[in-house]
C-alpha atoms as a PDB file:
ATOM      1  CA  MET A   1     217.792  12.957-171.010  1.00  0.00           C
ATOM      2  CA  ARG A   2     216.531   9.495-170.077  1.00  0.00           C
ATOM      3  CA  VAL A   3     215.779  10.681-166.538  1.00  0.00           C
ATOM      4  CA  LEU A   4     213.716  13.587-167.883  1.00  0.00           C
ATOM      5  CA  LEU A   5     211.807  11.270-170.211  1.00  0.00           C
ATOM      6  CA  LEU A   6     211.078   8.893-167.302  1.00  0.00           C
ATOM      7  CA  ILE A   7     209.847  11.765-165.099  1.00  0.00           C
ATOM      8  CA  ASN A   8     207.613  13.057-167.906  1.00  0.00           C
ATOM      9  CA  PHE A   9     206.256   9.561-168.508  1.00  0.00           C
ATOM     10  CA  LEU A  10     205.406   9.033-164.843  1.00  0.00           C
ATOM     11  CA  PHE A  11     203.814  12.475-164.708  1.00  0.00           C
ATOM     12  CA  LEU A  12     201.624  11.670-167.710  1.00  0.00           C
ATOM     13  CA  VAL A  13     200.662   8.275-166.263  1.00  0.00           C
ATOM     14  CA  ASN A  14     199.651   9.973-163.023  1.00  0.00           C
ATOM     15  CA  ILE A  15     197.532  12.519-164.917  1.00  0.00           C
ATOM     16  CA  VAL A  16     195.808   9.761-166.928  1.00  0.00           C
ATOM     17  CA  TYR A  17     195.171   7.742-163.773  1.00  0.00           C
ATOM     18  CA  SER A  18     193.796  10.774-161.956  1.00  0.00           C
ATOM     19  CA  GLN A  19     191.489  11.548-164.831  1.00  0.00           C
ATOM     20  CA  LYS A  20     189.932   8.080-164.571  1.00  0.00           C
ATOM     21  CA  LEU A  21     188.581   8.776-161.100  1.00  0.00           C
ATOM     22  CA  SER A  22     185.565  10.988-160.628  1.00  0.00           C
ATOM     23  CA  GLU A  23     185.464  13.288-157.629  1.00  0.00           C
ATOM     24  CA  ALA A  24     183.208  10.811-155.829  1.00  0.00           C
ATOM     25  CA  ASP A  25     185.583   7.917-156.581  1.00  0.00           C
ATOM     26  CA  SER A  26     188.560   9.949-155.425  1.00  0.00           C
ATOM     27  CA  MET A  27     186.810  10.657-152.128  1.00  0.00           C
ATOM     28  CA  LEU A  28     185.901   6.978-151.840  1.00  0.00           C
ATOM     29  CA  ARG A  29     189.504   5.906-152.407  1.00  0.00           C
ATOM     30  CA  LYS A  30     190.760   8.422-149.852  1.00  0.00           C
ATOM     31  CA  LYS A  31     188.194   7.304-147.288  1.00  0.00           C
ATOM     32  CA  TYR A  32     188.815   3.549-147.575  1.00  0.00           C
ATOM     33  CA  TYR A  33     192.469   3.316-148.606  1.00  0.00           C
ATOM     34  CA  HIS A  34     194.122   0.543-146.545  1.00  0.00           C
ATOM     35  CA  ARG A  35     190.968   0.159-144.450  1.00  0.00           C
ATOM     36  CA  ILE A  36     189.442  -2.751-146.390  1.00  0.00           C
ATOM     37  CA  VAL A  37     191.605  -5.723-145.468  1.00  0.00           C
ATOM     38  CA  PRO A  38     191.645  -9.322-146.796  1.00  0.00           C
ATOM     39  CA  LYS A  39     191.852 -12.157-144.247  1.00  0.00           C
ATOM     40  CA  ALA A  40     192.631 -15.869-144.660  1.00  0.00           C
ATOM     41  CA  VAL A  41     189.528 -17.562-143.271  1.00  0.00           C
ATOM     42  CA  ASN A  42     190.782 -21.167-143.175  1.00  0.00           C
ATOM     43  CA  SER A  43     193.936 -20.364-141.211  1.00  0.00           C
ATOM     44  CA  LYS A  44     193.872 -19.538-137.518  1.00  0.00           C
ATOM     45  CA  SER A  45     197.143 -17.629-137.936  1.00  0.00           C
ATOM     46  CA  ASP A  46     196.011 -15.785-141.096  1.00  0.00           C
ATOM     47  CA  ILE A  47     198.458 -17.448-143.496  1.00  0.00           C
ATOM     48  CA  LEU A  48     197.963 -19.132-146.883  1.00  0.00           C
ATOM     49  CA  TYR A  49     198.892 -22.640-148.027  1.00  0.00           C
ATOM     50  CA  ASP A  50     200.093 -23.377-151.530  1.00  0.00           C
ATOM     51  CA  GLY A  51     198.259 -25.762-153.836  1.00  0.00           C
ATOM     52  CA  ILE A  52     194.887 -25.668-152.032  1.00  0.00           C
ATOM     53  CA  ASP A  53     191.870 -23.373-151.951  1.00  0.00           C
ATOM     54  CA  ASN A  54     192.285 -20.699-149.277  1.00  0.00           C
ATOM     55  CA  ALA A  55     189.052 -18.882-148.463  1.00  0.00           C
ATOM     56  CA  ILE A  56     189.449 -15.097-148.273  1.00  0.00           C
ATOM     57  CA  GLU A  57     187.056 -12.647-146.669  1.00  0.00           C
ATOM     58  CA  LEU A  58     187.173  -8.878-146.600  1.00  0.00           C
ATOM     59  CA  GLN A  59     187.116  -7.024-143.314  1.00  0.00           C
ATOM     60  CA  TYR A  60     185.155  -3.780-143.616  1.00  0.00           C
ATOM     61  CA  PRO A  61     185.497  -0.579-141.558  1.00  0.00           C
ATOM     62  CA  ASP A  62     181.798   0.288-141.823  1.00  0.00           C
ATOM     63  CA  GLU A  63     178.454  -0.968-143.088  1.00  0.00           C
ATOM     64  CA  ALA A  64     178.480   1.032-146.337  1.00  0.00           C
ATOM     65  CA  SER A  65     181.719  -0.527-147.576  1.00  0.00           C
ATOM     66  CA  LYS A  66     180.192  -4.011-147.516  1.00  0.00           C
ATOM     67  CA  TYR A  67     178.056  -3.201-150.555  1.00  0.00           C
ATOM     68  CA  PHE A  68     180.699  -2.002-153.045  1.00  0.00           C
ATOM     69  CA  ASN A  69     181.727  -4.171-155.945  1.00  0.00           C
ATOM     70  CA  TYR A  70     185.243  -5.514-155.452  1.00  0.00           C
ATOM     71  CA  VAL A  71     187.867  -7.311-157.459  1.00  0.00           C
ATOM     72  CA  LEU A  72     190.881  -9.000-155.841  1.00  0.00           C
ATOM     73  CA  LYS A  73     194.246  -9.658-157.494  1.00  0.00           C
ATOM     74  CA  THR A  74     197.388 -11.547-156.503  1.00  0.00           C
ATOM     75  CA  HIS A  75     200.879 -12.017-157.935  1.00  0.00           C
ATOM     76  CA  ASN A  76     201.196 -15.593-156.578  1.00  0.00           C
ATOM     77  CA  GLY A  77     198.805 -18.080-158.153  1.00  0.00           C
ATOM     78  CA  ILE A  78     195.161 -17.308-158.807  1.00  0.00           C
ATOM     79  CA  ILE A  79     192.297 -15.662-156.945  1.00  0.00           C
ATOM     80  CA  PHE A  80     188.606 -15.970-157.778  1.00  0.00           C
ATOM     81  CA  GLU A  81     185.104 -15.434-156.465  1.00  0.00           C
ATOM     82  CA  SER A  82     183.611 -18.356-154.549  1.00  0.00           C
ATOM     83  CA  ASP A  83     180.225 -19.176-153.052  1.00  0.00           C
ATOM     84  CA  ASN A  84     181.241 -17.628-149.714  1.00  0.00           C
ATOM     85  CA  GLY A  85     183.320 -14.717-150.979  1.00  0.00           C
ATOM     86  CA  TYR A  86     186.763 -15.247-152.517  1.00  0.00           C
ATOM     87  CA  ALA A  87     189.392 -17.966-152.659  1.00  0.00           C
ATOM     88  CA  THR A  88     193.033 -18.033-153.696  1.00  0.00           C
ATOM     89  CA  ILE A  89     195.384 -20.858-154.667  1.00  0.00           C
ATOM     90  CA  PRO A  90     199.019 -19.760-154.310  1.00  0.00           C
ATOM     91  CA  ARG A  91     201.449 -21.336-156.748  1.00  0.00           C
ATOM     92  CA  ASN A  92     204.537 -21.099-154.553  1.00  0.00           C
ATOM     93  CA  SER A  93     205.412 -20.941-150.873  1.00  0.00           C
ATOM     94  CA  GLY A  94     207.000 -17.734-149.592  1.00  0.00           C
ATOM     95  CA  ARG A  95     204.671 -14.776-149.772  1.00  0.00           C
ATOM     96  CA  ALA A  96     201.650 -13.500-151.683  1.00  0.00           C
ATOM     97  CA  PHE A  97     200.334  -9.974-152.041  1.00  0.00           C
ATOM     98  CA  ILE A  98     196.567  -9.636-152.345  1.00  0.00           C
ATOM     99  CA  SER A  99     195.279  -6.299-153.624  1.00  0.00           C
ATOM    100  CA  VAL A 100     191.689  -5.120-153.170  1.00  0.00           C
ATOM    101  CA  TYR A 101     190.080  -2.862-155.767  1.00  0.00           C
ATOM    102  CA  ILE A 102     186.687  -1.167-155.773  1.00  0.00           C
ATOM    103  CA  VAL A 103     184.867  -1.328-159.090  1.00  0.00           C
ATOM    104  CA  ALA A 104     183.514   2.145-159.923  1.00  0.00           C
ATOM    105  CA  GLU A 105     180.252   2.827-161.740  1.00  0.00           C
ATOM    106  CA  ASP A 106     182.129   3.284-165.030  1.00  0.00           C
ATOM    107  CA  LYS A 107     183.672  -0.185-164.506  1.00  0.00           C
ATOM    108  CA  ASP A 108     187.088   1.283-163.751  1.00  0.00           C
ATOM    109  CA  THR A 109     188.872   0.040-160.633  1.00  0.00           C
ATOM    110  CA  PHE A 110     190.890   1.764-157.941  1.00  0.00           C
ATOM    111  CA  LEU A 111     193.061   0.301-155.209  1.00  0.00           C
ATOM    112  CA  VAL A 112     191.811   0.501-151.618  1.00  0.00           C
ATOM    113  CA  GLY A 113     193.787  -2.242-149.875  1.00  0.00           C
ATOM    114  CA  LYS A 114     196.858  -4.442-150.143  1.00  0.00           C
ATOM    115  CA  LYS A 115     198.175  -7.086-147.768  1.00  0.00           C
ATOM    116  CA  GLU A 116     201.195  -9.385-147.718  1.00  0.00           C
ATOM    117  CA  PHE A 117     200.471 -12.980-146.690  1.00  0.00           C
ATOM    118  CA  GLN A 118     202.930 -15.655-145.676  1.00  0.00           C
ATOM    119  CA  VAL A 119     202.506 -18.764-147.841  1.00  0.00           C
ATOM    120  CA  GLU A 120     203.502 -22.173-146.495  1.00  0.00           C
ATOM    121  CA  ASN A 121     203.461 -25.726-147.800  1.00  0.00           C
ATOM    122  CA  VAL A 122     200.687 -27.933-146.513  1.00  0.00           C
ATOM    123  CA  PRO A 123     202.376 -29.999-143.761  1.00  0.00           C
ATOM    124  CA  ILE A 124     203.197 -33.616-144.549  1.00  0.00           C
ATOM    125  CA  PRO A 125     200.416 -35.586-142.869  1.00  0.00           C
ATOM    126  CA  THR A 126     200.871 -37.667-139.768  1.00  0.00           C
ATOM    127  CA  VAL A 127     198.274 -39.549-137.717  1.00  0.00           C
ATOM    128  CA  LYS A 128     196.190 -38.884-134.659  1.00  0.00           C
ATOM    129  CA  ILE A 129     194.509 -41.200-132.163  1.00  0.00           C
ATOM    130  CA  GLY A 130     191.901 -39.532-129.967  1.00  0.00           C
ATOM    131  CA  ASN A 131     193.390 -36.128-129.117  1.00  0.00           C
ATOM    132  CA  LYS A 132     196.984 -37.383-129.339  1.00  0.00           C
ATOM    133  CA  ILE A 133     199.081 -36.496-132.382  1.00  0.00           C
ATOM    134  CA  ILE A 134     201.590 -39.219-133.245  1.00  0.00           C
ATOM    135  CA  LYS A 135     204.731 -37.677-134.736  1.00  0.00           C
ATOM    136  CA  ASP A 136     208.173 -39.070-135.509  1.00  0.00           C
ATOM    137  CA  GLU A 137     210.141 -39.803-132.329  1.00  0.00           C
ATOM    138  CA  SER A 138     207.140 -39.187-130.084  1.00  0.00           C
ATOM    139  CA  VAL A 139     206.395 -41.406-127.075  1.00  0.00           C
ATOM    140  CA  ILE A 140     202.809 -42.657-126.877  1.00  0.00           C
ATOM    141  CA  ASP A 141     201.105 -44.454-124.010  1.00  0.00           C
ATOM    142  CA  LYS A 142     199.626 -47.610-125.528  1.00  0.00           C
ATOM    143  CA  ALA A 143     196.550 -47.095-123.344  1.00  0.00           C
ATOM    144  CA  ILE A 144     195.609 -44.250-125.691  1.00  0.00           C
ATOM    145  CA  PHE A 145     195.144 -46.800-128.490  1.00  0.00           C
ATOM    146  CA  LEU A 146     193.022 -48.971-126.249  1.00  0.00           C
ATOM    147  CA  LYS A 147     190.783 -46.095-125.136  1.00  0.00           C
ATOM    148  CA  ASN A 148     190.156 -44.733-128.643  1.00  0.00           C
ATOM    149  CA  ASP A 149     188.659 -46.569-131.537  1.00  0.00           C
ATOM    150  CA  SER A 150     190.042 -45.028-134.720  1.00  0.00           C
ATOM    151  CA  LEU A 151     193.059 -43.533-136.472  1.00  0.00           C
ATOM    152  CA  LYS A 152     192.833 -40.123-138.169  1.00  0.00           C
ATOM    153  CA  VAL A 153     194.991 -38.322-140.711  1.00  0.00           C
ATOM    154  CA  PHE A 154     196.407 -35.127-139.199  1.00  0.00           C
ATOM    155  CA  PHE A 155     197.908 -32.111-141.006  1.00  0.00           C
ATOM    156  CA  THR A 156     197.911 -29.095-138.705  1.00  0.00           C
ATOM    157  CA  ASP A 157     195.730 -27.402-136.104  1.00  0.00           C
ATOM    158  CA  ASP A 158     196.121 -24.155-138.061  1.00  0.00           C
ATOM    159  CA  ILE A 159     193.970 -25.161-141.040  1.00  0.00           C
ATOM    160  CA  VAL A 160     190.307 -25.187-140.044  1.00  0.00           C
ATOM    161  CA  ASN A 161     188.526 -28.448-140.980  1.00  0.00           C
ATOM    162  CA  SER A 162     191.716 -30.118-142.287  1.00  0.00           C
ATOM    163  CA  GLU A 163     190.889 -33.090-140.039  1.00  0.00           C
ATOM    164  CA  ASN A 164     188.033 -33.815-142.456  1.00  0.00           C
ATOM    165  CA  TRP A 165     190.158 -33.848-145.623  1.00  0.00           C
ATOM    166  CA  CYS A 166     191.146 -37.507-145.477  1.00  0.00           C
ATOM    167  CA  SER A 167     190.098 -40.768-143.889  1.00  0.00           C
ATOM    168  CA  VAL A 168     192.261 -43.822-143.316  1.00  0.00           C
ATOM    169  CA  GLN A 169     191.365 -46.796-145.495  1.00  0.00           C
ATOM    170  CA  TYR A 170     194.248 -49.152-144.699  1.00  0.00           C
ATOM    171  CA  PHE A 171     197.259 -49.094-142.379  1.00  0.00           C
ATOM    172  CA  ASN A 172     199.967 -51.324-140.948  1.00  0.00           C
ATOM    173  CA  LEU A 173     201.335 -51.224-137.397  1.00  0.00           C
ATOM    174  CA  GLY A 174     204.536 -53.038-136.560  1.00  0.00           C
ATOM    175  CA  TYR A 175     208.064 -53.271-135.192  1.00  0.00           C
ATOM    176  CA  SER A 176     211.396 -54.952-135.970  1.00  0.00           C
ATOM    177  CA  TYR A 177     212.629 -57.788-133.771  1.00  0.00           C
ATOM    178  CA  GLY A 178     215.523 -60.195-134.371  1.00  0.00           C
ATOM    179  CA  GLY A 179     215.828 -59.247-138.008  1.00  0.00           C
ATOM    180  CA  ARG A 180     212.102 -59.755-138.638  1.00  0.00           C
ATOM    181  CA  TYR A 181     209.301 -57.242-139.070  1.00  0.00           C
ATOM    182  CA  ILE A 182     206.326 -58.169-136.918  1.00  0.00           C
ATOM    183  CA  SER A 183     203.139 -56.319-137.779  1.00  0.00           C
ATOM    184  CA  VAL A 184     199.406 -56.285-138.120  1.00  0.00           C
ATOM    185  CA  ASP A 185     197.315 -54.949-141.031  1.00  0.00           C
ATOM    186  CA  ASN A 186     194.182 -52.953-140.322  1.00  0.00           C
ATOM    187  CA  LYS A 187     191.473 -52.250-142.881  1.00  0.00           C
ATOM    188  CA  GLY A 188     189.687 -48.945-142.286  1.00  0.00           C
ATOM    189  CA  ALA A 189     190.275 -46.298-139.644  1.00  0.00           C
ATOM    190  CA  VAL A 190     188.670 -48.220-136.786  1.00  0.00           C
ATOM    191  CA  LEU A 191     191.134 -50.382-134.824  1.00  0.00           C
ATOM    192  CA  SER A 192     190.171 -54.029-135.246  1.00  0.00           C
ATOM    193  CA  LYS A 193     190.185 -56.557-132.408  1.00  0.00           C
ATOM    194  CA  LYS A 194     193.289 -58.105-133.959  1.00  0.00           C
ATOM    195  CA  THR A 195     195.051 -54.714-133.910  1.00  0.00           C
ATOM    196  CA  LEU A 196     194.010 -54.029-130.314  1.00  0.00           C
ATOM    197  CA  ASP A 197     195.269 -57.462-129.223  1.00  0.00           C
ATOM    198  CA  PHE A 198     198.547 -56.748-131.016  1.00  0.00           C
ATOM    199  CA  ILE A 199     198.894 -53.436-129.139  1.00  0.00           C
ATOM    200  CA  LYS A 200     198.138 -55.028-125.757  1.00  0.00           C
ATOM    201  CA  GLN A 201     201.126 -57.371-126.016  1.00  0.00           C
ATOM    202  CA  LEU A 202     203.634 -54.616-126.871  1.00  0.00           C
ATOM    203  CA  LYS A 203     206.500 -54.118-124.430  1.00  0.00           C
ATOM    204  CA  LEU A 204     207.390 -50.787-122.844  1.00  0.00           C
ATOM    205  CA  ASN A 205     209.718 -48.595-124.908  1.00  0.00           C
ATOM    206  CA  GLN A 206     208.982 -50.649-128.003  1.00  0.00           C
ATOM    207  CA  ASN A 207     209.946 -48.823-131.228  1.00  0.00           C
ATOM    208  CA  MET A 208     206.953 -48.823-133.551  1.00  0.00           C
ATOM    209  CA  VAL A 209     205.988 -47.833-137.078  1.00  0.00           C
ATOM    210  CA  ILE A 210     202.574 -46.844-138.401  1.00  0.00           C
ATOM    211  CA  LYS A 211     202.366 -46.863-142.183  1.00  0.00           C
ATOM    212  CA  VAL A 212     199.128 -45.687-143.778  1.00  0.00           C
ATOM    213  CA  SER A 213     199.000 -47.266-147.230  1.00  0.00           C
ATOM    214  CA  GLU A 214     195.583 -46.095-148.384  1.00  0.00           C
ATOM    215  CA  ILE A 215     193.539 -42.957-147.679  1.00  0.00           C
ATOM    216  CA  ASN A 216     190.413 -41.361-149.119  1.00  0.00           C
ATOM    217  CA  CYS A 217     190.906 -37.597-149.577  1.00  0.00           C
ATOM    218  CA  SER A 218     189.036 -34.584-150.874  1.00  0.00           C
ATOM    219  CA  LYS A 219     192.435 -32.923-151.534  1.00  0.00           C
ATOM    220  CA  ILE A 220     195.367 -33.962-153.693  1.00  0.00           C
ATOM    221  CA  ILE A 221     197.804 -35.413-151.154  1.00  0.00           C
ATOM    222  CA  LYS A 222     201.337 -36.314-152.290  1.00  0.00           C
ATOM    223  CA  HIS A 223     202.451 -38.136-149.148  1.00  0.00           C
ATOM    224  CA  LEU A 224     200.907 -40.912-147.086  1.00  0.00           C
ATOM    225  CA  PRO A 225     201.488 -40.882-143.319  1.00  0.00           C
ATOM    226  CA  LEU A 226     204.437 -42.944-142.096  1.00  0.00           C
ATOM    227  CA  VAL A 227     205.388 -42.407-138.461  1.00  0.00           C
ATOM    228  CA  ARG A 228     208.094 -43.911-136.238  1.00  0.00           C
ATOM    229  CA  PHE A 229     207.392 -43.657-132.512  1.00  0.00           C
ATOM    230  CA  LYS A 230     207.782 -45.455-129.197  1.00  0.00           C
ATOM    231  CA  VAL A 231     205.134 -46.891-126.863  1.00  0.00           C
ATOM    232  CA  ASN A 232     205.296 -46.870-123.082  1.00  0.00           C
END
């Protein structure tokens, strides 16, 4: 009996849904179903990052479809219209489905596209000098410090413009020797003469630590860069 009631309910829902669409809207849905696709603009690999604005653009199969009114929905976080299209802020890492609806003339909506996105955490920041990324356990030629003039906060190459999110305001560079911690403080991102002189006297295979203690960011960053590496 319950099965029959469920079948009847689904049948009625389908009839009601079908009645909402005019013949023109039905043709429109059939023509563009799964052909209007959302894309993550800020990610080179087309993924989303939780806790930040991710720009979304729609990819259209033809010129006419660019001029429909759309509404986008997601089950993970929020999605909204922005100055350049749409943006979404996922609440959790994992995955997010974004559905694309066309708004009909009677203000009803019908689904024309749906896509599953991978959602990742924004990487914990590290630092970069010139084109060299300094990560934990990496080996860095100290000449790279001497040839480049400033330290940058680095997140990932995948997020477009993430290199502009933050700037270094204060950092410490040092190493442990004989039970003491020998270091130099540097105000700002540009390496001071004192810091450069400190780097010049470092021995080969010296274990080093860079600790960024102050940054200026346009994003909410939970972690400050702290990197252990070796110079050669």
